[in-house]
C-alpha atoms as a PDB file:
ATOM      1  CA  PHE A   1     128.012 175.723  90.182  1.00  0.00           C
ATOM      2  CA  SER A   2     129.766 173.177  87.994  1.00  0.00           C
ATOM      3  CA  PHE A   3     126.819 170.793  87.833  1.00  0.00           C
ATOM      4  CA  VAL A   4     124.240 173.327  86.669  1.00  0.00           C
ATOM      5  CA  ASN A   5     125.698 176.666  85.622  1.00  0.00           C
ATOM      6  CA  GLY A   6     128.552 175.404  83.451  1.00  0.00           C
ATOM      7  CA  PRO A   7     126.387 173.390  81.043  1.00  0.00           C
ATOM      8  CA  LEU A   8     123.563 175.937  81.145  1.00  0.00           C
ATOM      9  CA  PHE A   9     125.935 178.753  80.169  1.00  0.00           C
ATOM     10  CA  ALA A  10     127.204 176.789  77.147  1.00  0.00           C
ATOM     11  CA  THR A  11     123.627 176.034  76.066  1.00  0.00           C
ATOM     12  CA  PHE A  12     122.587 179.687  76.367  1.00  0.00           C
ATOM     13  CA  LEU A  13     125.613 180.872  74.390  1.00  0.00           C
ATOM     14  CA  LEU A  14     125.003 178.460  71.544  1.00  0.00           C
ATOM     15  CA  GLY A  15     121.248 179.000  71.551  1.00  0.00           C
ATOM     16  CA  MET A  16     121.506 182.782  71.486  1.00  0.00           C
ATOM     17  CA  PHE A  17     124.356 183.194  69.009  1.00  0.00           C
ATOM     18  CA  TRP A  18     124.268 180.151  66.694  1.00  0.00           C
ATOM     19  CA  LYS A  19     121.118 179.719  64.627  1.00  0.00           C
ATOM     20  CA  ARG A  20     121.975 176.073  63.920  1.00  0.00           C
ATOM     21  CA  THR A  21     121.452 174.978  67.568  1.00  0.00           C
ATOM     22  CA  THR A  22     118.582 172.500  67.942  1.00  0.00           C
ATOM     23  CA  GLY A  23     116.469 171.428  70.912  1.00  0.00           C
ATOM     24  CA  ASP A  24     117.837 167.881  70.747  1.00  0.00           C
ATOM     25  CA  GLY A  25     121.386 169.164  70.764  1.00  0.00           C
ATOM     26  CA  ALA A  26     120.684 171.456  73.703  1.00  0.00           C
ATOM     27  CA  PHE A  27     119.008 168.714  75.732  1.00  0.00           C
ATOM     28  CA  TRP A  28     121.712 166.110  75.215  1.00  0.00           C
ATOM     29  CA  GLY A  29     124.418 168.731  75.690  1.00  0.00           C
ATOM     30  CA  LEU A  30     122.947 169.612  79.100  1.00  0.00           C
ATOM     31  CA  VAL A  31     122.768 165.927  80.044  1.00  0.00           C
ATOM     32  CA  ALA A  32     126.353 165.295  78.904  1.00  0.00           C
ATOM     33  CA  GLY A  33     127.670 168.451  80.615  1.00  0.00           C
ATOM     34  CA  THR A  34     126.005 167.541  83.907  1.00  0.00           C
ATOM     35  CA  ALA A  35     127.375 163.997  83.616  1.00  0.00           C
ATOM     36  CA  ALA A  36     130.861 165.389  82.951  1.00  0.00           C
ATOM     37  CA  ALA A  37     130.651 167.543  86.097  1.00  0.00           C
ATOM     38  CA  ALA A  38     129.466 164.540  88.125  1.00  0.00           C
ATOM     39  CA  LEU A  39     132.259 162.343  86.757  1.00  0.00           C
ATOM     40  CA  HIS A  40     134.825 165.031  87.540  1.00  0.00           C
ATOM     41  CA  TYR A  41     133.503 165.341  91.096  1.00  0.00           C
ATOM     42  CA  LEU A  42     133.562 161.587  91.625  1.00  0.00           C
ATOM     43  CA  THR A  43     137.130 161.192  90.345  1.00  0.00           C
ATOM     44  CA  THR A  44     138.836 164.101  92.132  1.00  0.00           C
ATOM     45  CA  THR A  45     139.393 165.022  95.769  1.00  0.00           C
ATOM     46  CA  VAL A  46     140.002 168.126  97.835  1.00  0.00           C
ATOM     47  CA  ALA A  47     142.896 168.312 100.301  1.00  0.00           C
ATOM     48  CA  GLY A  48     141.573 167.913 103.818  1.00  0.00           C
ATOM     49  CA  GLY A  49     137.957 167.875 102.671  1.00  0.00           C
ATOM     50  CA  ALA A  50     135.318 165.297 103.444  1.00  0.00           C
ATOM     51  CA  SER A  51     133.278 164.051 100.499  1.00  0.00           C
ATOM     52  CA  LEU A  52     129.518 163.703 100.511  1.00  0.00           C
ATOM     53  CA  LEU A  53     129.681 160.775  98.094  1.00  0.00           C
ATOM     54  CA  PRO A  54     132.109 157.871  97.822  1.00  0.00           C
ATOM     55  CA  LYS A  55     134.708 158.538  95.146  1.00  0.00           C
ATOM     56  CA  LEU A  56     135.160 156.280  92.119  1.00  0.00           C
ATOM     57  CA  ALA A  57     138.857 157.126  91.856  1.00  0.00           C
ATOM     58  CA  ASN A  58     141.391 159.707  92.937  1.00  0.00           C
ATOM     59  CA  LEU A  59     142.765 160.965  89.635  1.00  0.00           C
ATOM     60  CA  HIS A  60     143.646 164.420  90.941  1.00  0.00           C
ATOM     61  CA  GLY A  61     143.652 166.308  94.228  1.00  0.00           C
ATOM     62  CA  TYR A  62     142.771 169.999  94.479  1.00  0.00           C
ATOM     63  CA  ALA A  63     143.919 172.438  97.134  1.00  0.00           C
ATOM     64  CA  SER A  64     140.412 173.856  97.650  1.00  0.00           C
ATOM     65  CA  ASP A  65     136.749 173.236  96.937  1.00  0.00           C
ATOM     66  CA  MET A  66     136.687 176.313  94.714  1.00  0.00           C
ATOM     67  CA  ALA A  67     139.430 174.906  92.473  1.00  0.00           C
ATOM     68  CA  GLN A  68     137.559 171.621  92.143  1.00  0.00           C
ATOM     69  CA  ASN A  69     134.334 173.490  91.280  1.00  0.00           C
ATOM     70  CA  PHE A  70     136.096 175.705  88.756  1.00  0.00           C
ATOM     71  CA  TRP A  71     137.686 172.822  86.869  1.00  0.00           C
ATOM     72  CA  GLY A  72     134.457 170.849  87.077  1.00  0.00           C
ATOM     73  CA  ALA A  73     132.639 173.782  85.483  1.00  0.00           C
ATOM     74  CA  ILE A  74     135.244 173.902  82.706  1.00  0.00           C
ATOM     75  CA  ALA A  75     134.761 170.190  82.015  1.00  0.00           C
ATOM     76  CA  ALA A  76     130.966 170.561  82.085  1.00  0.00           C
ATOM     77  CA  TRP A  77     130.946 173.657  79.858  1.00  0.00           C
ATOM     78  CA  THR A  78     133.300 172.142  77.287  1.00  0.00           C
ATOM     79  CA  THR A  79     131.436 168.832  77.163  1.00  0.00           C
ATOM     80  CA  CYS A  80     128.060 170.546  76.844  1.00  0.00           C
ATOM     81  CA  PHE A  81     129.316 172.892  74.127  1.00  0.00           C
ATOM     82  CA  LEU A  82     130.830 170.094  72.035  1.00  0.00           C
ATOM     83  CA  VAL A  83     127.911 167.664  72.425  1.00  0.00           C
ATOM     84  CA  THR A  84     125.341 170.383  71.682  1.00  0.00           C
ATOM     85  CA  ALA A  85     127.225 171.461  68.558  1.00  0.00           C
ATOM     86  CA  ALA A  86     127.766 167.879  67.350  1.00  0.00           C
ATOM     87  CA  ILE A  87     124.146 166.817  67.793  1.00  0.00           C
ATOM     88  CA  SER A  88     122.845 170.097  66.362  1.00  0.00           C
ATOM     89  CA  ILE A  89     124.866 169.545  63.199  1.00  0.00           C
ATOM     90  CA  VAL A  90     123.269 166.146  62.534  1.00  0.00           C
ATOM     91  CA  THR A  91     119.675 167.117  63.449  1.00  0.00           C
ATOM     92  CA  THR A  92     117.226 169.280  61.503  1.00  0.00           C
ATOM     93  CA  PRO A  93     117.383 172.980  62.425  1.00  0.00           C
ATOM     94  CA  LYS A  94     114.374 175.267  62.797  1.00  0.00           C
ATOM     95  CA  ALA A  95     113.510 177.689  60.008  1.00  0.00           C
ATOM     96  CA  GLU A  96     115.011 181.165  60.348  1.00  0.00           C
ATOM     97  CA  GLU A  97     111.530 182.682  60.555  1.00  0.00           C
ATOM     98  CA  GLN A  98     110.928 180.739  63.794  1.00  0.00           C
ATOM     99  CA  LEU A  99     114.176 182.035  65.292  1.00  0.00           C
ATOM    100  CA  ARG A 100     113.665 185.761  64.666  1.00  0.00           C
ATOM    101  CA  GLY A 101     113.833 187.606  67.976  1.00  0.00           C
ATOM    102  CA  LEU A 102     115.593 184.678  69.665  1.00  0.00           C
ATOM    103  CA  VAL A 103     118.973 184.393  67.917  1.00  0.00           C
ATOM    104  CA  TYR A 104     121.233 187.449  67.922  1.00  0.00           C
ATOM    105  CA  GLY A 105     122.127 187.443  64.218  1.00  0.00           C
ATOM    106  CA  LEU A 106     118.483 187.209  63.133  1.00  0.00           C
ATOM    107  CA  THR A 107     117.097 189.981  65.336  1.00  0.00           C
ATOM    108  CA  ALA A 108     116.574 193.486  63.973  1.00  0.00           C
ATOM    109  CA  TYR A 109     117.456 196.290  66.383  1.00  0.00           C
ATOM    110  CA  GLU A 110     116.586 199.971  66.442  1.00  0.00           C
ATOM    111  CA  ARG A 111     119.444 202.365  66.005  1.00  0.00           C
ATOM    112  CA  ASP A 112     120.162 204.507  69.059  1.00  0.00           C
ATOM    113  CA  GLU A 113     119.703 207.705  67.062  1.00  0.00           C
ATOM    114  CA  GLU A 114     116.044 206.776  66.507  1.00  0.00           C
ATOM    115  CA  ARG A 115     115.291 206.539  70.245  1.00  0.00           C
ATOM    116  CA  VAL A 116     114.462 209.242  72.765  1.00  0.00           C
ATOM    117  CA  TRP A 117     117.339 210.050  75.139  1.00  0.00           C
ATOM    118  CA  TYR A 118     116.025 208.014  78.100  1.00  0.00           C
ATOM    119  CA  ARG A 119     115.916 204.849  75.967  1.00  0.00           C
ATOM    120  CA  ARG A 120     119.533 205.054  74.808  1.00  0.00           C
ATOM    121  CA  PRO A 121     121.818 202.657  76.735  1.00  0.00           C
ATOM    122  CA  ALA A 122     124.931 204.800  76.262  1.00  0.00           C
ATOM    123  CA  ILE A 123     123.334 207.908  77.777  1.00  0.00           C
ATOM    124  CA  LEU A 124     121.888 205.916  80.681  1.00  0.00           C
ATOM    125  CA  ALA A 125     125.274 204.294  81.310  1.00  0.00           C
ATOM    126  CA  VAL A 126     126.951 207.712  81.540  1.00  0.00           C
ATOM    127  CA  ILE A 127     124.258 208.906  83.983  1.00  0.00           C
ATOM    128  CA  VAL A 128     124.625 205.816  86.193  1.00  0.00           C
ATOM    129  CA  LEU A 129     128.434 206.060  86.133  1.00  0.00           C
ATOM    130  CA  THR A 130     128.293 209.736  87.070  1.00  0.00           C
ATOM    131  CA  LEU A 131     125.909 209.021  89.954  1.00  0.00           C
ATOM    132  CA  THR A 132     128.101 206.148  91.141  1.00  0.00           C
ATOM    133  CA  LEU A 133     131.232 208.283  91.106  1.00  0.00           C
ATOM    134  CA  GLY A 134     129.403 211.113  92.872  1.00  0.00           C
ATOM    135  CA  LEU A 135     128.149 208.802  95.615  1.00  0.00           C
ATOM    136  CA  ASN A 136     131.630 207.366  96.038  1.00  0.00           C
ATOM    137  CA  VAL A 137     133.057 210.852  96.529  1.00  0.00           C
ATOM    138  CA  ILE A 138     130.314 211.811  98.998  1.00  0.00           C
ATOM    139  CA  PHE A 139     130.574 208.636 101.103  1.00  0.00           C
ATOM    140  CA  TRP A 140     134.357 208.165 100.913  1.00  0.00           C
END
C-alpha cells in the first residue's frame, strides 16, 4: 500500500485538480514517493515481526504492520505531493486547451436540470439508498 498507492494517490489528486501539474513533475514525484516509502520501510521495524529485507537502521518501532504501512504511506504521499508540485512549478505546463476534459476546473459539466431523471446522480442515489434500506429491513 505505502509503496504504490500513497504516491499514486498524490499524483492523481494533483493531476486532476491542479492544471499546473506536468508530466515531469508527476514522474519524479512518483519516483521520490516510492523511494520515501522504501526508506521508511528500511529504517523502521515492527514489534515481533520478521523483516523480508535487512534494515538500514532502527529509527522507530511500530506495534503492528498496519501502523508501519500507514505511516509509510503518509511519508510517500507527502514526498510525492511536494516533489510533484516543486518540479511542476519549474517546468513548462501544457496549454489549457490540451487539459480540457482532464482537469476538474477546466471541464464543462451539464447541469442536472438538463438531464433526464435516470441520468441525475442525486435521484439515482436516493433510489439506491432506499433499496439498500429496504433490503436491510427485509434481511435483518
